[in-house]
Amino acid sequence: MTTRFTVDGRKVSLLGYGAMRLPTVDGINAAGRAGGKPIPGTSNASIDQKLLDSQVKLLLDSGVNYFDTSPAYCMGRSEAHLGSALKASGYARGDYIVATKLSNFAPQQYPLAECKKMFEKSLECLQTDYIDNYLLHSVGNGGFKTFSQRYLENGALDWCLALRRERRIRNLGFSFHGDPKVFEWCLEHHGEYKWDFCQIQMNYVDWRHAKAVNERNLDAKYLYERLTELKIPIVVMEPLLGGRLARYNYALAKELTPLDPEASLAKWALRFCGTYPNVMTILSGMTFTEHIEENVATCSPLVPCCEKELAALERAAVALLKLNTIPCNSCQYCMPCPYGLDIPMILTFRNEVLSSKTAPSAREVLKAYAKAVPEELRRADHCTGCGRCFTHCPQTIDIPKELAVIDEWIDGLKNEEAHR
């Protein structure tokens, strides 16, 4: 396993485990199905603890020692299940690195007393008395005012500094989504807070084209270079764009497969991130054991991309953007929908159709829709436009608008079939 950085004297595995998409007993893993294949998303089924235990043991045996979670992941279930799996692994606490977050997203969680409760609950769930890497979660999402209310005005950031001095957390960082003003503020105050690391969304699409997805975004190349200037190590999130860069897509395969017919699309995405030396670890939400085995192999050791390969990845990124897919990463922050919609699955289904090599017929699309989102009440036509999902989306996708477009599209296909 490739390693580059150390945390408290321990080498950090280049591949890290993101505990956002844990396996569930129904095999749908917290989300849904695309083309009949399980993908991460919104299942309400129980986490498959037995499978998770075996996967965490496999990860540790393979040299992966960085585990990232949050009080918000898997509808609040991630920390406790990951903590149990780490405990069951037989490895000592000093053998692995735990990262979790101050995920105080709701206004009722802003008060410092509530932040402290969240931290203590994290320790309890993770069965530990300290956190290796603690993050201010999703700074920039909601703008500077929200950032200030969550971390500055309530004294939460100063409290985190005290936790670090007390060694209850060993390192302090932040994950960034959105507002450039917040990112720049954090870097301008690096001398005061001495950030130990920063977690950013980085992949070969966002490297140069984050603004093409959303004008508010900052390109990952800019984020990487600014952090590297300050010698702040980087943790990569969304290297596979929520699986969009791992699932088969003709636009991507056309550029990449000729270079290495045996390489999966996921391997290309991980190699891209690992090419850059200030990347400490690359988080992957590896729901299935075969994904763990493949990603471990890719990073043991990781082979950086050459200039020819980087050029091909840039062409693939441009080709993907031309498909006009919805930038959903299946993070589940929009879930649960109060009206029962399976939002990540509906958006993923739309992207799967757009990514097809050939345009499917109306009948084929409707058949695939029925298979991907089998319950009528969970489909796009039941969206009320309440907007709750939009306020929670790190990618700031106008989800009600996208669902309305999908509903209109499906309705048109139904009419087309009815008049055949």
Protein backbone atom coordinates (compact mmCIF):
# COMPACT_ATOMS: atom_id res chain seq x y z
CA MET A 1 0.00 0.00 0.00
CA THR A 2 1.40 3.38 -1.01
CA THR A 3 1.93 5.78 1.91
CA ARG A 4 3.17 9.37 1.91
CA PHE A 5 2.23 11.13 5.16
CA THR A 6 2.17 10.27 8.82
CA VAL A 7 -0.41 11.01 11.51
CA ASP A 8 1.10 10.91 15.00
CA GLY A 9 3.93 8.76 13.72
CA ARG A 10 1.69 6.34 11.80
CA LYS A 11 1.98 6.10 8.04
CA VAL A 12 -1.32 6.89 6.32
CA SER A 13 -2.58 4.55 3.60
CA LEU A 14 -3.13 6.31 0.28
CA LEU A 15 -6.46 4.50 0.01
CA GLY A 16 -8.94 5.43 2.72
CA TYR A 17 -12.36 4.06 3.60
CA GLY A 18 -15.32 6.43 3.41
CA ALA A 19 -18.10 5.08 5.62
CA MET A 20 -20.93 6.85 3.80
CA ARG A 21 -22.20 3.90 1.75
CA LEU A 22 -22.22 0.95 4.14
CA PRO A 23 -23.60 -2.40 2.99
CA THR A 24 -27.16 -3.22 4.02
CA VAL A 25 -28.91 -6.54 4.47
CA ASP A 26 -31.08 -5.95 1.39
CA GLY A 27 -28.00 -5.55 -0.81
CA ILE A 28 -29.11 -2.10 -1.96
CA ASN A 29 -26.70 -0.39 0.46
CA ALA A 30 -28.36 2.73 1.65
CA ALA A 31 -29.64 3.70 -1.81
CA GLY A 32 -31.09 2.08 -4.85
CA ARG A 33 -30.47 0.34 -8.12
CA ALA A 34 -29.35 1.47 -11.54
CA GLY A 35 -29.99 -0.95 -14.37
CA GLY A 36 -30.72 -3.63 -11.78
CA LYS A 37 -27.34 -3.25 -10.10
CA PRO A 38 -27.18 -2.11 -6.46
CA ILE A 39 -25.57 1.29 -5.93
CA PRO A 40 -25.17 3.52 -2.85
CA GLY A 41 -28.19 5.57 -1.86
CA THR A 42 -31.19 5.44 0.43
CA SER A 43 -32.13 2.00 1.67
CA ASN A 44 -33.75 2.02 5.10
CA ALA A 45 -32.70 -1.58 5.68
CA SER A 46 -30.36 -2.51 8.51
CA ILE A 47 -26.63 -2.24 7.98
CA ASP A 48 -25.11 -5.66 7.34
CA GLN A 49 -22.78 -5.63 10.35
CA LYS A 50 -21.38 -9.10 9.68
CA LEU A 51 -20.37 -8.14 6.15
CA LEU A 52 -19.03 -4.78 7.31
CA ASP A 53 -16.92 -6.50 9.99
CA SER A 54 -15.33 -8.75 7.39
CA GLN A 55 -14.73 -5.84 5.01
CA VAL A 56 -13.06 -3.67 7.66
CA LYS A 57 -10.84 -6.61 8.65
CA LEU A 58 -9.94 -7.10 4.97
CA LEU A 59 -9.11 -3.41 4.63
CA LEU A 60 -6.84 -3.44 7.66
CA ASP A 61 -5.17 -6.67 6.57
CA SER A 62 -4.54 -5.03 3.18
CA GLY A 63 -2.84 -1.98 4.67
CA VAL A 64 -5.78 0.46 4.62
CA ASN A 65 -5.76 2.28 7.95
CA TYR A 66 -7.73 5.52 7.37
CA PHE A 67 -11.46 5.41 8.18
CA ASP A 68 -13.68 8.44 7.61
CA THR A 69 -17.22 8.81 8.94
CA SER A 70 -19.70 11.41 10.24
CA PRO A 71 -22.69 11.63 12.60
CA ALA A 72 -24.75 12.39 9.47
CA TYR A 73 -23.77 9.41 7.32
CA CYS A 74 -26.18 6.55 6.58
CA MET A 75 -29.00 8.47 8.25
CA GLY A 76 -27.04 8.63 11.51
CA ARG A 77 -25.97 4.98 11.57
CA SER A 78 -22.42 5.08 10.23
CA GLU A 79 -20.34 5.90 13.31
CA ALA A 80 -21.77 3.16 15.52
CA HIS A 81 -21.48 0.45 12.88
CA LEU A 82 -17.97 1.47 11.90
CA GLY A 83 -16.95 1.60 15.56
CA SER A 84 -18.22 -1.93 16.09
CA ALA A 85 -16.41 -3.19 13.00
CA LEU A 86 -13.11 -1.62 14.03
CA LYS A 87 -13.47 -3.09 17.52
CA ALA A 88 -14.24 -6.52 16.09
CA SER A 89 -11.23 -6.43 13.76
CA GLY A 90 -8.78 -7.44 16.47
CA TYR A 91 -6.50 -4.53 15.61
CA ALA A 92 -5.30 -2.20 18.36
CA ARG A 93 -6.61 1.38 18.47
CA GLY A 94 -3.19 2.67 17.49
CA ASP A 95 -3.22 0.65 14.27
CA TYR A 96 -5.83 2.76 12.51
CA ILE A 97 -6.79 6.39 12.03
CA VAL A 98 -10.36 7.53 12.67
CA ALA A 99 -11.75 10.68 11.11
CA THR A 100 -15.17 12.06 11.96
CA LYS A 101 -16.86 15.43 11.83
CA LEU A 102 -18.71 18.18 13.63
CA SER A 103 -21.80 17.79 11.46
CA ASN A 104 -23.94 20.46 13.09
CA PHE A 105 -26.07 21.16 10.02
CA ALA A 106 -29.42 21.98 11.65
CA PRO A 107 -29.78 25.38 13.42
CA GLN A 108 -30.80 23.60 16.63
CA GLN A 109 -27.33 21.99 16.58
CA TYR A 110 -25.43 25.30 16.36
CA PRO A 111 -25.20 26.01 20.13
CA LEU A 112 -21.86 24.97 21.61
CA ALA A 113 -23.56 22.69 24.13
CA GLU A 114 -25.10 20.73 21.25
CA CYS A 115 -21.74 20.56 19.46
CA LYS A 116 -20.19 19.09 22.58
CA LYS A 117 -22.97 16.50 22.80
CA MET A 118 -22.33 15.53 19.19
CA PHE A 119 -18.61 15.05 19.86
CA GLU A 120 -19.20 12.92 22.95
CA LYS A 121 -21.72 10.82 21.02
CA SER A 122 -19.11 10.28 18.29
CA LEU A 123 -16.62 9.00 20.86
CA GLU A 124 -19.25 6.66 22.28
CA CYS A 125 -20.30 5.30 18.88
CA LEU A 126 -16.74 4.87 17.66
CA GLN A 127 -15.75 3.21 20.96
CA THR A 128 -12.71 5.42 21.46
CA ASP A 129 -11.55 8.16 23.80
CA TYR A 130 -9.97 10.32 21.09
CA ILE A 131 -10.42 11.18 17.41
CA ASP A 132 -7.38 11.22 15.16
CA ASN A 133 -8.71 13.63 12.53
CA TYR A 134 -11.65 15.89 13.40
CA LEU A 135 -13.28 18.02 10.71
CA LEU A 136 -15.53 21.02 10.54
CA HIS A 137 -18.02 19.40 8.18
CA SER A 138 -18.88 20.88 4.79
CA VAL A 139 -17.73 24.43 5.36
CA GLY A 140 -18.94 26.77 2.66
CA ASN A 141 -22.21 24.95 2.14
CA GLY A 142 -24.77 27.65 2.91
CA GLY A 143 -22.35 30.54 2.55
CA PHE A 144 -20.23 32.52 5.00
CA LYS A 145 -23.13 33.46 7.28
CA THR A 146 -23.93 29.81 7.91
CA PHE A 147 -20.24 29.02 8.44
CA SER A 148 -19.99 31.81 10.99
CA GLN A 149 -23.08 30.63 12.87
CA ARG A 150 -21.93 27.01 12.94
CA TYR A 151 -18.32 27.53 13.97
CA LEU A 152 -17.39 31.10 14.90
CA GLU A 153 -20.19 32.93 16.71
CA ASN A 154 -20.92 29.93 18.95
CA GLY A 155 -17.27 29.37 19.89
CA ALA A 156 -17.16 25.91 18.28
CA LEU A 157 -13.89 26.50 16.44
CA ASP A 158 -12.14 27.78 19.57
CA TRP A 159 -13.48 24.73 21.42
CA CYS A 160 -12.02 22.45 18.71
CA LEU A 161 -8.65 24.10 19.23
CA ALA A 162 -8.95 23.30 22.94
CA LEU A 163 -9.79 19.67 22.10
CA ARG A 164 -6.61 19.49 20.05
CA ARG A 165 -4.51 20.94 22.87
CA GLU A 166 -6.05 18.38 25.23
CA ARG A 167 -5.30 15.61 22.69
CA ARG A 168 -8.94 14.52 22.61
CA ILE A 169 -8.55 15.19 18.92
CA ARG A 170 -5.11 14.82 17.43
CA ASN A 171 -5.58 16.81 14.22
CA LEU A 172 -8.06 19.47 13.10
CA GLY A 173 -9.20 20.10 9.55
CA PHE A 174 -12.24 20.95 7.48
CA SER A 175 -14.10 19.60 4.49
CA PHE A 176 -14.99 22.17 1.86
CA HIS A 177 -18.07 22.51 -0.31
CA GLY A 178 -19.10 25.64 -2.10
CA ASP A 179 -18.61 29.25 -1.11
CA PRO A 180 -15.10 30.44 -2.13
CA LYS A 181 -15.21 33.14 0.55
CA VAL A 182 -15.23 30.50 3.28
CA PHE A 183 -12.31 28.59 1.76
CA GLU A 184 -10.24 31.74 1.44
CA TRP A 185 -11.08 32.78 5.02
CA CYS A 186 -9.90 29.42 6.34
CA LEU A 187 -6.61 29.68 4.46
CA GLU A 188 -6.10 33.31 5.44
CA HIS A 189 -6.41 32.23 9.09
CA HIS A 190 -4.14 29.19 8.75
CA GLY A 191 -1.49 30.92 10.84
CA GLU A 192 -4.01 31.15 13.69
CA TYR A 193 -5.70 27.74 13.43
CA LYS A 194 -2.87 25.71 11.88
CA TRP A 195 -5.06 23.33 9.90
CA ASP A 196 -3.56 19.85 9.94
CA PHE A 197 -5.34 18.76 6.75
CA CYS A 198 -8.19 19.68 4.42
CA GLN A 199 -10.73 17.46 2.69
CA ILE A 200 -11.77 18.49 -0.84
CA GLN A 201 -13.77 17.06 -3.72
CA MET A 202 -11.15 16.09 -6.29
CA ASN A 203 -11.42 14.03 -9.45
CA TYR A 204 -10.52 14.45 -13.10
CA VAL A 205 -13.82 16.22 -13.87
CA ASP A 206 -13.69 18.70 -10.99
CA TRP A 207 -9.96 19.28 -11.56
CA ARG A 208 -10.61 21.91 -14.25
CA HIS A 209 -14.38 21.88 -14.70
CA ALA A 210 -16.01 22.31 -11.29
CA LYS A 211 -17.34 25.69 -12.38
CA ALA A 212 -18.91 24.08 -15.45
CA VAL A 213 -21.06 22.06 -13.06
CA ASN A 214 -21.81 24.98 -10.74
CA GLU A 215 -20.48 28.52 -11.10
CA ARG A 216 -20.11 28.76 -7.33
CA ASN A 217 -17.60 25.90 -7.25
CA LEU A 218 -13.83 26.21 -7.20
CA ASP A 219 -11.85 23.93 -9.47
CA ALA A 220 -10.03 21.17 -7.60
CA LYS A 221 -6.79 22.23 -9.29
CA TYR A 222 -7.05 25.64 -7.60
CA LEU A 223 -7.92 24.09 -4.22
CA TYR A 224 -5.03 21.65 -4.50
CA GLU A 225 -2.51 24.33 -5.43
CA ARG A 226 -3.59 26.74 -2.67
CA LEU A 227 -3.41 24.02 -0.01
CA THR A 228 -0.09 22.76 -1.33
CA GLU A 229 1.36 26.27 -1.10
CA LEU A 230 0.56 26.24 2.62
CA LYS A 231 1.78 22.64 3.02
CA ILE A 232 -1.66 21.48 4.20
CA PRO A 233 -2.09 17.76 3.36
CA ILE A 234 -5.17 16.87 1.33
CA VAL A 235 -7.79 14.20 1.91
CA VAL A 236 -9.69 13.50 -1.31
CA MET A 237 -13.45 12.92 -1.25
CA GLU A 238 -15.58 11.95 -4.23
CA PRO A 239 -12.69 10.64 -6.38
CA LEU A 240 -15.32 8.65 -8.30
CA LEU A 241 -17.99 11.39 -8.23
CA GLY A 242 -20.35 9.22 -6.21
CA GLY A 243 -19.72 6.31 -8.57
CA ARG A 244 -20.33 8.26 -11.78
CA LEU A 245 -16.68 7.80 -12.79
CA ALA A 246 -16.75 4.09 -11.93
CA ARG A 247 -19.94 2.89 -13.64
CA TYR A 248 -19.70 2.14 -17.32
CA ASN A 249 -20.05 5.23 -19.46
CA TYR A 250 -19.33 5.12 -23.18
CA ALA A 251 -18.00 8.69 -23.26
CA LEU A 252 -15.35 7.77 -20.68
CA ALA A 253 -14.56 4.32 -22.00
CA LYS A 254 -14.02 5.63 -25.52
CA GLU A 255 -11.08 7.75 -24.30
CA LEU A 256 -9.61 5.47 -21.63
CA THR A 257 -10.07 1.85 -22.67
CA PRO A 258 -7.65 2.05 -25.64
CA LEU A 259 -4.87 3.06 -23.26
CA ASP A 260 -5.40 0.04 -21.00
CA PRO A 261 -8.13 -2.42 -22.00
CA GLU A 262 -7.83 -4.24 -18.66
CA ALA A 263 -8.23 -1.18 -16.42
CA SER A 264 -11.62 -0.36 -14.91
CA LEU A 265 -12.91 3.20 -14.96
CA ALA A 266 -12.56 3.28 -11.16
CA LYS A 267 -8.85 2.48 -11.46
CA TRP A 268 -8.35 5.46 -13.77
CA ALA A 269 -10.11 7.78 -11.32
CA LEU A 270 -8.03 6.64 -8.33
CA ARG A 271 -4.79 6.82 -10.27
CA PHE A 272 -5.59 10.39 -11.27
CA CYS A 273 -5.99 11.52 -7.66
CA GLY A 274 -2.94 9.61 -6.52
CA THR A 275 -0.77 11.26 -9.15
CA TYR A 276 -0.61 14.45 -7.07
CA PRO A 277 1.94 14.22 -4.23
CA ASN A 278 0.17 16.42 -1.66
CA VAL A 279 -2.73 13.94 -1.51
CA MET A 280 -2.52 12.16 1.84
CA THR A 281 -5.37 9.71 1.34
CA ILE A 282 -8.16 9.06 -1.17
CA LEU A 283 -11.52 8.17 0.34
CA SER A 284 -13.67 5.60 -1.41
CA GLY A 285 -17.09 4.40 -0.27
CA MET A 286 -16.44 0.74 -1.01
CA THR A 287 -19.79 -0.95 -0.43
CA PHE A 288 -18.91 -4.23 -2.10
CA THR A 289 -16.00 -6.51 -1.25
CA GLU A 290 -14.91 -6.69 -4.89
CA HIS A 291 -14.54 -2.90 -4.88
CA ILE A 292 -12.24 -3.14 -1.87
CA GLU A 293 -10.08 -5.77 -3.57
CA GLU A 294 -9.84 -3.77 -6.78
CA ASN A 295 -9.05 -0.45 -5.11
CA VAL A 296 -6.46 -2.01 -2.82
CA ALA A 297 -4.75 -3.50 -5.86
CA THR A 298 -4.77 -0.11 -7.60
CA CYS A 299 -3.02 1.53 -4.64
CA SER A 300 -0.54 -1.26 -3.85
CA PRO A 301 1.44 0.47 -5.11
CA LEU A 302 -0.25 3.30 -6.97
CA VAL A 303 1.18 4.06 -10.42
CA PRO A 304 0.90 7.81 -11.17
CA CYS A 305 -0.58 8.87 -14.49
CA CYS A 306 1.79 10.01 -17.24
CA GLU A 307 1.14 13.13 -19.32
CA LYS A 308 -0.49 11.12 -22.12
CA GLU A 309 -2.89 9.54 -19.63
CA LEU A 310 -3.70 12.86 -17.97
CA ALA A 311 -4.55 14.28 -21.40
CA ALA A 312 -6.90 11.35 -22.05
CA LEU A 313 -8.58 11.88 -18.68
CA GLU A 314 -9.13 15.55 -19.54
CA ARG A 315 -10.77 14.54 -22.84
CA ALA A 316 -12.94 12.07 -20.94
CA ALA A 317 -14.01 14.82 -18.52
CA VAL A 318 -15.03 17.10 -21.38
CA ALA A 319 -16.95 14.25 -23.04
CA LEU A 320 -18.81 13.52 -19.79
CA LEU A 321 -19.80 17.15 -19.33
CA LYS A 322 -21.23 17.25 -22.85
CA LEU A 323 -23.73 14.58 -21.80
CA ASN A 324 -25.32 17.16 -19.47
CA THR A 325 -25.76 14.66 -16.66
CA ILE A 326 -27.03 15.73 -13.24
CA PRO A 327 -24.08 16.22 -10.82
CA CYS A 328 -25.53 13.94 -8.14
CA ASN A 329 -22.95 12.03 -6.07
CA SER A 330 -25.45 9.87 -4.16
CA CYS A 331 -24.29 11.41 -0.87
CA GLN A 332 -27.80 10.98 0.59
CA TYR A 333 -27.86 14.39 2.26
CA CYS A 334 -31.19 14.98 0.51
CA MET A 335 -32.67 11.92 2.19
CA PRO A 336 -35.02 10.95 3.61
CA CYS A 337 -37.52 12.73 1.39
CA PRO A 338 -40.61 13.62 3.46
CA TYR A 339 -42.76 12.39 0.59
CA GLY A 340 -40.96 9.08 0.12
CA LEU A 341 -39.12 9.77 -3.14
CA ASP A 342 -35.89 7.88 -3.79
CA ILE A 343 -34.10 11.02 -4.98
CA PRO A 344 -30.56 9.66 -5.59
CA MET A 345 -31.95 6.69 -7.49
CA ILE A 346 -34.14 8.83 -9.76
CA LEU A 347 -31.26 11.17 -10.60
CA THR A 348 -28.87 8.25 -11.11
CA PHE A 349 -31.36 6.59 -13.46
CA ARG A 350 -31.47 9.75 -15.57
CA ASN A 351 -27.67 9.84 -15.72
CA GLU A 352 -27.50 6.17 -16.71
CA VAL A 353 -29.76 6.83 -19.70
CA LEU A 354 -27.72 9.86 -20.77
CA SER A 355 -24.52 7.81 -20.52
CA SER A 356 -25.70 5.01 -22.82
CA LYS A 357 -23.75 4.35 -26.00
CA THR A 358 -26.96 4.40 -28.04
CA ALA A 359 -30.22 6.20 -27.30
CA PRO A 360 -32.70 3.68 -25.86
CA SER A 361 -36.26 3.57 -27.15
CA ALA A 362 -39.19 4.96 -25.15
CA ARG A 363 -40.23 1.43 -24.23
CA GLU A 364 -36.72 0.55 -23.05
CA VAL A 365 -36.48 3.69 -20.90
CA LEU A 366 -39.86 3.08 -19.26
CA LYS A 367 -38.98 -0.53 -18.59
CA ALA A 368 -35.65 0.49 -17.05
CA TYR A 369 -37.36 3.17 -14.93
CA ALA A 370 -39.82 0.63 -13.55
CA LYS A 371 -36.92 -1.65 -12.66
CA ALA A 372 -34.68 1.05 -11.19
CA VAL A 373 -37.40 2.74 -9.12
CA PRO A 374 -39.95 -0.05 -8.66
CA GLU A 375 -42.28 1.64 -6.18
CA GLU A 376 -44.72 4.11 -7.75
CA LEU A 377 -44.72 6.43 -4.73
CA ARG A 378 -40.94 6.83 -4.90
CA ARG A 379 -40.92 8.25 -8.43
CA ALA A 380 -40.45 11.79 -9.72
CA ASP A 381 -44.15 12.54 -10.28
CA HIS A 382 -44.72 12.55 -6.50
CA CYS A 383 -42.37 15.47 -5.83
CA THR A 384 -44.27 18.36 -4.21
CA GLY A 385 -41.48 20.89 -4.72
CA CYS A 386 -41.11 21.50 -0.97
CA GLY A 387 -37.40 22.26 -1.49
CA ARG A 388 -36.12 20.52 1.65
CA CYS A 389 -33.71 18.44 -0.44
CA PHE A 390 -32.28 21.48 -2.21
CA THR A 391 -31.20 23.13 1.05
CA HIS A 392 -29.23 20.01 2.04
CA CYS A 393 -27.47 19.32 -1.28
CA PRO A 394 -23.68 19.98 -1.19
CA GLN A 395 -23.71 20.25 -4.99
CA THR A 396 -26.56 22.82 -4.84
CA ILE A 397 -28.56 20.84 -7.40
CA ASP A 398 -32.03 22.30 -7.90
CA ILE A 399 -33.51 18.88 -7.14
CA PRO A 400 -37.22 19.82 -7.44
CA LYS A 401 -36.51 21.33 -10.85
CA GLU A 402 -34.60 18.25 -12.01
CA LEU A 403 -37.34 15.94 -10.76
CA ALA A 404 -39.94 18.00 -12.61
CA VAL A 405 -37.90 17.68 -15.82
CA ILE A 406 -37.62 13.91 -15.33
CA ASP A 407 -41.35 13.65 -14.62
CA GLU A 408 -42.15 15.55 -17.80
CA TRP A 409 -39.73 13.39 -19.77
CA ILE A 410 -41.22 10.13 -18.44
CA ASP A 411 -44.75 11.40 -19.03
CA GLY A 412 -43.85 12.24 -22.63
CA LEU A 413 -42.43 8.76 -23.17
CA LYS A 414 -45.62 7.22 -21.79
CA ASN A 415 -47.71 9.28 -24.21
CA GLU A 416 -45.39 8.29 -27.05
CA GLU A 417 -45.87 4.62 -26.24
CA ALA A 418 -49.64 5.02 -25.84
CA HIS A 419 -49.93 6.38 -29.37
CA ARG A 420 -47.72 3.81 -31.08
